Amino acid sequence: MNNNSNHTPISGIAGKIFIGTVGYHNLSNHSIGPALLPQLQEMSWADGVELDELNWGPIAIVQKFQSLSIPYDRVILLAAIERPGRNIGDITVYKWLGKLPDEELIQRCIGDAVTGVISVENLLIIGEYFKIWTGETFVVDVEPGPEMAGENFTTEMQQAIPDLIAILQKLSNTNNTEMINFNPLYGDTLIEEKTDA
């Protein structure tokens, strides 16, 4: 496993990039990540770009990343998280800058992960704890609004899909990150970011 310091910029054009969707199925707008994955997989992406669903538990994901002979230069996570002050379909791009919360919160995240909770926050914190974020990590987060069951998106979420895809395409191109406006995201304030943003 590559244990170089986290979040070093990619040099050059080539890079090993992973796009992962995070979220439960059949929860309408909250399921934008996994629901959009088949469409994303049918698209053409640059060499070195891999796509997969990351709903199989943070510990298993850690093991997958640790087993890589060549780590990813960039990881892009697509999810829908309710945050105050946003309208349904609003998109926020975050760049993960590391830092861990206190031990109690780390243990709570691991406990949630063991019980099957699917959460971007858990994944980021557990991944940071086990040092799997060896390159740049971005979170593309779209506002889903109140949680509700169902397979269909609201009109606002449907209208956001082209912008989501465009952002993923730009982030998967190592020369285009300067075109993306992103907010910093830190592990020691991650939960507060979700509730107070």
C-alpha atoms as a PDB file:
ATOM      1  CA  MET A   1       0.000   0.000   0.000  1.00  0.00           C
ATOM      2  CA  ASN A   2       1.185   3.497  -0.858  1.00  0.00           C
ATOM      3  CA  ASN A   3       1.505   5.448   2.383  1.00  0.00           C
ATOM      4  CA  ASN A   4       2.616   8.716   0.868  1.00  0.00           C
ATOM      5  CA  SER A   5       1.064  11.834   2.419  1.00  0.00           C
ATOM      6  CA  ASN A   6      -2.546  12.364   1.470  1.00  0.00           C
ATOM      7  CA  HIS A   7      -3.965  14.653  -1.171  1.00  0.00           C
ATOM      8  CA  THR A   8      -0.891  15.241  -3.282  1.00  0.00           C
ATOM      9  CA  PRO A   9      -1.821  16.804  -6.630  1.00  0.00           C
ATOM     10  CA  ILE A  10      -1.722  14.658  -9.736  1.00  0.00           C
ATOM     11  CA  SER A  11       1.060  15.572 -12.101  1.00  0.00           C
ATOM     12  CA  GLY A  12       0.565  15.277 -15.821  1.00  0.00           C
ATOM     13  CA  ILE A  13      -2.486  14.128 -17.734  1.00  0.00           C
ATOM     14  CA  ALA A  14      -2.635  10.429 -16.910  1.00  0.00           C
ATOM     15  CA  GLY A  15      -4.010   9.201 -13.624  1.00  0.00           C
ATOM     16  CA  LYS A  16      -5.830   6.331 -11.979  1.00  0.00           C
ATOM     17  CA  ILE A  17      -9.232   7.703 -11.038  1.00  0.00           C
ATOM     18  CA  PHE A  18     -12.151   6.113  -9.216  1.00  0.00           C
ATOM     19  CA  ILE A  19     -15.759   7.348  -9.270  1.00  0.00           C
ATOM     20  CA  GLY A  20     -17.853   5.759  -6.541  1.00  0.00           C
ATOM     21  CA  THR A  21     -21.554   6.179  -5.828  1.00  0.00           C
ATOM     22  CA  VAL A  22     -22.774   6.121  -2.235  1.00  0.00           C
ATOM     23  CA  GLY A  23     -26.375   5.786  -1.070  1.00  0.00           C
ATOM     24  CA  TYR A  24     -29.296   3.506  -0.411  1.00  0.00           C
ATOM     25  CA  HIS A  25     -31.514   2.207  -3.204  1.00  0.00           C
ATOM     26  CA  ASN A  26     -35.219   3.052  -3.595  1.00  0.00           C
ATOM     27  CA  LEU A  27     -35.136   6.296  -1.606  1.00  0.00           C
ATOM     28  CA  SER A  28     -36.057   8.641  -4.467  1.00  0.00           C
ATOM     29  CA  ASN A  29     -33.651  11.610  -4.611  1.00  0.00           C
ATOM     30  CA  HIS A  30     -31.430  10.153  -1.883  1.00  0.00           C
ATOM     31  CA  SER A  31     -30.607   7.300  -4.267  1.00  0.00           C
ATOM     32  CA  ILE A  32     -29.197   9.479  -7.051  1.00  0.00           C
ATOM     33  CA  GLY A  33     -25.732   7.890  -6.773  1.00  0.00           C
ATOM     34  CA  PRO A  34     -26.604   4.209  -7.156  1.00  0.00           C
ATOM     35  CA  ALA A  35     -29.500   4.973  -9.507  1.00  0.00           C
ATOM     36  CA  LEU A  36     -27.267   6.988 -11.830  1.00  0.00           C
ATOM     37  CA  LEU A  37     -24.426   4.440 -11.837  1.00  0.00           C
ATOM     38  CA  PRO A  38     -25.720   2.302 -14.764  1.00  0.00           C
ATOM     39  CA  GLN A  39     -25.970   5.413 -16.944  1.00  0.00           C
ATOM     40  CA  LEU A  40     -22.472   6.485 -15.926  1.00  0.00           C
ATOM     41  CA  GLN A  41     -21.091   3.034 -16.705  1.00  0.00           C
ATOM     42  CA  GLU A  42     -22.463   3.229 -20.244  1.00  0.00           C
ATOM     43  CA  MET A  43     -20.639   6.485 -20.930  1.00  0.00           C
ATOM     44  CA  SER A  44     -17.150   6.860 -22.374  1.00  0.00           C
ATOM     45  CA  TRP A  45     -14.516   7.881 -19.851  1.00  0.00           C
ATOM     46  CA  ALA A  46     -10.811   8.553 -20.138  1.00  0.00           C
ATOM     47  CA  ASP A  47      -8.323   5.722 -19.726  1.00  0.00           C
ATOM     48  CA  GLY A  48      -7.702   4.969 -16.073  1.00  0.00           C
ATOM     49  CA  VAL A  49     -11.208   5.888 -14.877  1.00  0.00           C
ATOM     50  CA  GLU A  50     -13.083   3.192 -12.934  1.00  0.00           C
ATOM     51  CA  LEU A  51     -16.663   3.352 -11.665  1.00  0.00           C
ATOM     52  CA  ASP A  52     -18.388   1.274  -9.003  1.00  0.00           C
ATOM     53  CA  GLU A  53     -20.952   1.424  -6.239  1.00  0.00           C
ATOM     54  CA  LEU A  54     -19.562   1.903  -2.740  1.00  0.00           C
ATOM     55  CA  ASN A  55     -22.459   0.491  -0.752  1.00  0.00           C
ATOM     56  CA  TRP A  56     -20.800  -2.652   0.521  1.00  0.00           C
ATOM     57  CA  GLY A  57     -19.447  -1.320   3.802  1.00  0.00           C
ATOM     58  CA  PRO A  58     -16.503   0.964   4.631  1.00  0.00           C
ATOM     59  CA  ILE A  59     -14.384  -1.842   6.108  1.00  0.00           C
ATOM     60  CA  ALA A  60     -14.677  -3.893   2.907  1.00  0.00           C
ATOM     61  CA  ILE A  61     -13.932  -0.759   0.877  1.00  0.00           C
ATOM     62  CA  VAL A  62     -10.838  -0.116   2.994  1.00  0.00           C
ATOM     63  CA  GLN A  63      -9.669  -3.670   2.294  1.00  0.00           C
ATOM     64  CA  LYS A  64     -10.254  -3.180  -1.444  1.00  0.00           C
ATOM     65  CA  PHE A  65      -8.243   0.034  -1.506  1.00  0.00           C
ATOM     66  CA  GLN A  66      -5.475  -1.443   0.636  1.00  0.00           C
ATOM     67  CA  SER A  67      -5.143  -4.379  -1.778  1.00  0.00           C
ATOM     68  CA  LEU A  68      -4.499  -2.154  -4.798  1.00  0.00           C
ATOM     69  CA  SER A  69      -1.029  -2.537  -6.269  1.00  0.00           C
ATOM     70  CA  ILE A  70      -1.312   1.007  -7.608  1.00  0.00           C
ATOM     71  CA  PRO A  71      -3.446   3.378  -5.515  1.00  0.00           C
ATOM     72  CA  TYR A  72      -5.903   5.816  -7.044  1.00  0.00           C
ATOM     73  CA  ASP A  73      -4.632   9.288  -7.821  1.00  0.00           C
ATOM     74  CA  ARG A  74      -8.123  10.672  -7.379  1.00  0.00           C
ATOM     75  CA  VAL A  75     -11.336   9.380  -5.820  1.00  0.00           C
ATOM     76  CA  ILE A  76     -14.669  11.055  -6.587  1.00  0.00           C
ATOM     77  CA  LEU A  77     -17.672  10.169  -4.428  1.00  0.00           C
ATOM     78  CA  LEU A  78     -21.202  10.935  -5.640  1.00  0.00           C
ATOM     79  CA  ALA A  79     -23.898  11.173  -2.979  1.00  0.00           C
ATOM     80  CA  ALA A  80     -27.039  13.019  -1.918  1.00  0.00           C
ATOM     81  CA  ILE A  81     -26.914  14.532   1.567  1.00  0.00           C
ATOM     82  CA  GLU A  82     -29.505  16.785   3.197  1.00  0.00           C
ATOM     83  CA  ARG A  83     -27.946  20.097   4.176  1.00  0.00           C
ATOM     84  CA  PRO A  84     -29.613  23.277   5.445  1.00  0.00           C
ATOM     85  CA  GLY A  85     -29.819  26.258   3.127  1.00  0.00           C
ATOM     86  CA  ARG A  86     -29.933  24.386  -0.170  1.00  0.00           C
ATOM     87  CA  ASN A  87     -32.714  23.718  -2.662  1.00  0.00           C
ATOM     88  CA  ILE A  88     -33.400  20.270  -4.100  1.00  0.00           C
ATOM     89  CA  GLY A  89     -30.926  19.655  -6.910  1.00  0.00           C
ATOM     90  CA  ASP A  90     -28.320  22.133  -5.654  1.00  0.00           C
ATOM     91  CA  ILE A  91     -24.835  20.669  -6.085  1.00  0.00           C
ATOM     92  CA  THR A  92     -21.857  21.265  -3.806  1.00  0.00           C
ATOM     93  CA  VAL A  93     -18.378  19.919  -4.556  1.00  0.00           C
ATOM     94  CA  TYR A  94     -16.113  19.278  -1.582  1.00  0.00           C
ATOM     95  CA  LYS A  95     -12.423  18.475  -1.513  1.00  0.00           C
ATOM     96  CA  TRP A  96     -11.479  16.158   1.327  1.00  0.00           C
ATOM     97  CA  LEU A  97      -8.552  17.609   3.268  1.00  0.00           C
ATOM     98  CA  GLY A  98      -8.260  14.959   5.945  1.00  0.00           C
ATOM     99  CA  LYS A  99      -8.039  15.375   9.735  1.00  0.00           C
ATOM    100  CA  LEU A 100      -9.743  12.965  12.094  1.00  0.00           C
ATOM    101  CA  PRO A 101     -12.392  13.607  14.747  1.00  0.00           C
ATOM    102  CA  ASP A 102     -11.926  12.346  18.291  1.00  0.00           C
ATOM    103  CA  GLU A 103     -11.612   8.635  19.033  1.00  0.00           C
ATOM    104  CA  GLU A 104     -15.202   8.371  20.252  1.00  0.00           C
ATOM    105  CA  LEU A 105     -16.608   9.570  16.934  1.00  0.00           C
ATOM    106  CA  ILE A 106     -14.238   7.324  14.981  1.00  0.00           C
ATOM    107  CA  GLN A 107     -15.441   4.324  17.004  1.00  0.00           C
ATOM    108  CA  ARG A 108     -19.058   5.364  16.429  1.00  0.00           C
ATOM    109  CA  CYS A 109     -18.442   5.541  12.683  1.00  0.00           C
ATOM    110  CA  ILE A 110     -16.873   2.088  12.698  1.00  0.00           C
ATOM    111  CA  GLY A 111     -19.765   0.737  14.793  1.00  0.00           C
ATOM    112  CA  ASP A 112     -22.298   2.183  12.348  1.00  0.00           C
ATOM    113  CA  ALA A 113     -20.364   0.713   9.443  1.00  0.00           C
ATOM    114  CA  VAL A 114     -20.390  -2.759  11.011  1.00  0.00           C
ATOM    115  CA  THR A 115     -24.173  -2.589  11.406  1.00  0.00           C
ATOM    116  CA  GLY A 116     -24.601  -1.754   7.719  1.00  0.00           C
ATOM    117  CA  VAL A 117     -25.108   2.011   7.785  1.00  0.00           C
ATOM    118  CA  ILE A 118     -24.299   3.543   4.377  1.00  0.00           C
ATOM    119  CA  SER A 119     -22.824   6.994   4.897  1.00  0.00           C
ATOM    120  CA  VAL A 120     -20.361   9.202   3.040  1.00  0.00           C
ATOM    121  CA  GLU A 121     -19.254  10.648   6.380  1.00  0.00           C
ATOM    122  CA  ASN A 122     -18.458   7.206   7.801  1.00  0.00           C
ATOM    123  CA  LEU A 123     -16.633   6.219   4.631  1.00  0.00           C
ATOM    124  CA  LEU A 124     -14.490   9.357   4.609  1.00  0.00           C
ATOM    125  CA  ILE A 125     -13.572   9.146   8.300  1.00  0.00           C
ATOM    126  CA  ILE A 126     -12.888   5.407   8.295  1.00  0.00           C
ATOM    127  CA  GLY A 127     -10.921   5.742   5.058  1.00  0.00           C
ATOM    128  CA  GLU A 128      -8.864   8.559   6.597  1.00  0.00           C
ATOM    129  CA  TYR A 129      -8.234   6.480   9.723  1.00  0.00           C
ATOM    130  CA  PHE A 130      -6.900   3.610   7.605  1.00  0.00           C
ATOM    131  CA  LYS A 131      -5.033   5.989   5.249  1.00  0.00           C
ATOM    132  CA  ILE A 132      -6.675   4.876   2.008  1.00  0.00           C
ATOM    133  CA  TRP A 133      -7.118   8.401   0.612  1.00  0.00           C
ATOM    134  CA  THR A 134      -3.613   8.531  -0.859  1.00  0.00           C
ATOM    135  CA  GLY A 135      -4.417  11.051  -3.596  1.00  0.00           C
ATOM    136  CA  GLU A 136      -7.055  13.723  -4.059  1.00  0.00           C
ATOM    137  CA  THR A 137     -10.580  12.947  -2.867  1.00  0.00           C
ATOM    138  CA  PHE A 138     -13.681  14.874  -3.906  1.00  0.00           C
ATOM    139  CA  VAL A 139     -17.320  14.580  -2.837  1.00  0.00           C
ATOM    140  CA  VAL A 140     -19.970  15.633  -5.360  1.00  0.00           C
ATOM    141  CA  ASP A 141     -22.985  16.196  -3.126  1.00  0.00           C
ATOM    142  CA  VAL A 142     -26.468  17.014  -4.432  1.00  0.00           C
ATOM    143  CA  GLU A 143     -29.325  18.190  -2.220  1.00  0.00           C
ATOM    144  CA  PRO A 144     -32.076  15.510  -2.148  1.00  0.00           C
ATOM    145  CA  GLY A 145     -34.616  17.243   0.102  1.00  0.00           C
ATOM    146  CA  PRO A 146     -36.667  15.243   2.628  1.00  0.00           C
ATOM    147  CA  GLU A 147     -36.209  11.480   2.505  1.00  0.00           C
ATOM    148  CA  MET A 148     -38.992   9.491   0.869  1.00  0.00           C
ATOM    149  CA  ALA A 149     -39.348   6.014  -0.556  1.00  0.00           C
ATOM    150  CA  GLY A 150     -39.623   5.336  -4.271  1.00  0.00           C
ATOM    151  CA  GLU A 151     -37.673   4.773  -7.467  1.00  0.00           C
ATOM    152  CA  ASN A 152     -38.448   8.101  -9.172  1.00  0.00           C
ATOM    153  CA  PHE A 153     -36.641  11.427  -8.805  1.00  0.00           C
ATOM    154  CA  THR A 154     -38.350  14.753  -8.329  1.00  0.00           C
ATOM    155  CA  THR A 155     -38.276  17.164 -11.264  1.00  0.00           C
ATOM    156  CA  GLU A 156     -35.567  19.235  -9.569  1.00  0.00           C
ATOM    157  CA  MET A 157     -33.298  16.219  -9.147  1.00  0.00           C
ATOM    158  CA  GLN A 158     -33.934  15.066 -12.698  1.00  0.00           C
ATOM    159  CA  GLN A 159     -32.937  18.511 -13.953  1.00  0.00           C
ATOM    160  CA  ALA A 160     -29.710  18.364 -11.926  1.00  0.00           C
ATOM    161  CA  ILE A 161     -28.462  15.148 -13.577  1.00  0.00           C
ATOM    162  CA  PRO A 162     -26.764  16.798 -16.606  1.00  0.00           C
ATOM    163  CA  ASP A 163     -24.852  19.142 -14.291  1.00  0.00           C
ATOM    164  CA  LEU A 164     -23.866  16.222 -12.037  1.00  0.00           C
ATOM    165  CA  ILE A 165     -22.518  14.293 -15.020  1.00  0.00           C
ATOM    166  CA  ALA A 166     -20.644  17.343 -16.310  1.00  0.00           C
ATOM    167  CA  ILE A 167     -18.978  17.840 -12.918  1.00  0.00           C
ATOM    168  CA  LEU A 168     -17.967  14.170 -12.732  1.00  0.00           C
ATOM    169  CA  GLN A 169     -16.501  14.411 -16.220  1.00  0.00           C
ATOM    170  CA  LYS A 170     -14.477  17.501 -15.308  1.00  0.00           C
ATOM    171  CA  LEU A 171     -13.229  15.977 -12.068  1.00  0.00           C
ATOM    172  CA  SER A 172     -12.205  12.797 -13.886  1.00  0.00           C
ATOM    173  CA  ASN A 173     -10.001  14.857 -16.196  1.00  0.00           C
ATOM    174  CA  THR A 174      -6.801  15.727 -14.367  1.00  0.00           C
ATOM    175  CA  ASN A 175      -6.479  18.994 -16.285  1.00  0.00           C
ATOM    176  CA  ASN A 176      -9.922  20.316 -15.407  1.00  0.00           C
ATOM    177  CA  THR A 177     -10.101  20.530 -11.604  1.00  0.00           C
ATOM    178  CA  GLU A 178      -9.292  24.229 -11.741  1.00  0.00           C
ATOM    179  CA  MET A 179     -12.664  24.667 -13.479  1.00  0.00           C
ATOM    180  CA  ILE A 180     -14.534  23.360 -10.422  1.00  0.00           C
ATOM    181  CA  ASN A 181     -15.439  25.503  -7.442  1.00  0.00           C
ATOM    182  CA  PHE A 182     -15.125  23.338  -4.344  1.00  0.00           C
ATOM    183  CA  ASN A 183     -15.362  23.743  -0.584  1.00  0.00           C
ATOM    184  CA  PRO A 184     -12.846  22.227   1.846  1.00  0.00           C
ATOM    185  CA  LEU A 185     -14.043  19.294   3.931  1.00  0.00           C
ATOM    186  CA  TYR A 186     -12.291  18.165   7.121  1.00  0.00           C
ATOM    187  CA  GLY A 187     -12.856  15.032   9.165  1.00  0.00           C
ATOM    188  CA  ASP A 188     -12.763  16.799  12.513  1.00  0.00           C
ATOM    189  CA  THR A 189     -15.695  19.051  11.516  1.00  0.00           C
ATOM    190  CA  LEU A 190     -17.462  16.690   9.124  1.00  0.00           C
ATOM    191  CA  ILE A 191     -20.627  16.116  11.139  1.00  0.00           C
ATOM    192  CA  GLU A 192     -20.938  19.841  11.858  1.00  0.00           C
ATOM    193  CA  GLU A 193     -20.529  20.550   8.123  1.00  0.00           C
ATOM    194  CA  LYS A 194     -23.529  18.339   7.443  1.00  0.00           C
ATOM    195  CA  THR A 195     -25.787  19.918  10.034  1.00  0.00           C
ATOM    196  CA  ASP A 196     -24.660  23.533   9.949  1.00  0.00           C
ATOM    197  CA  ALA A 197     -23.784  24.090   6.296  1.00  0.00           C
END
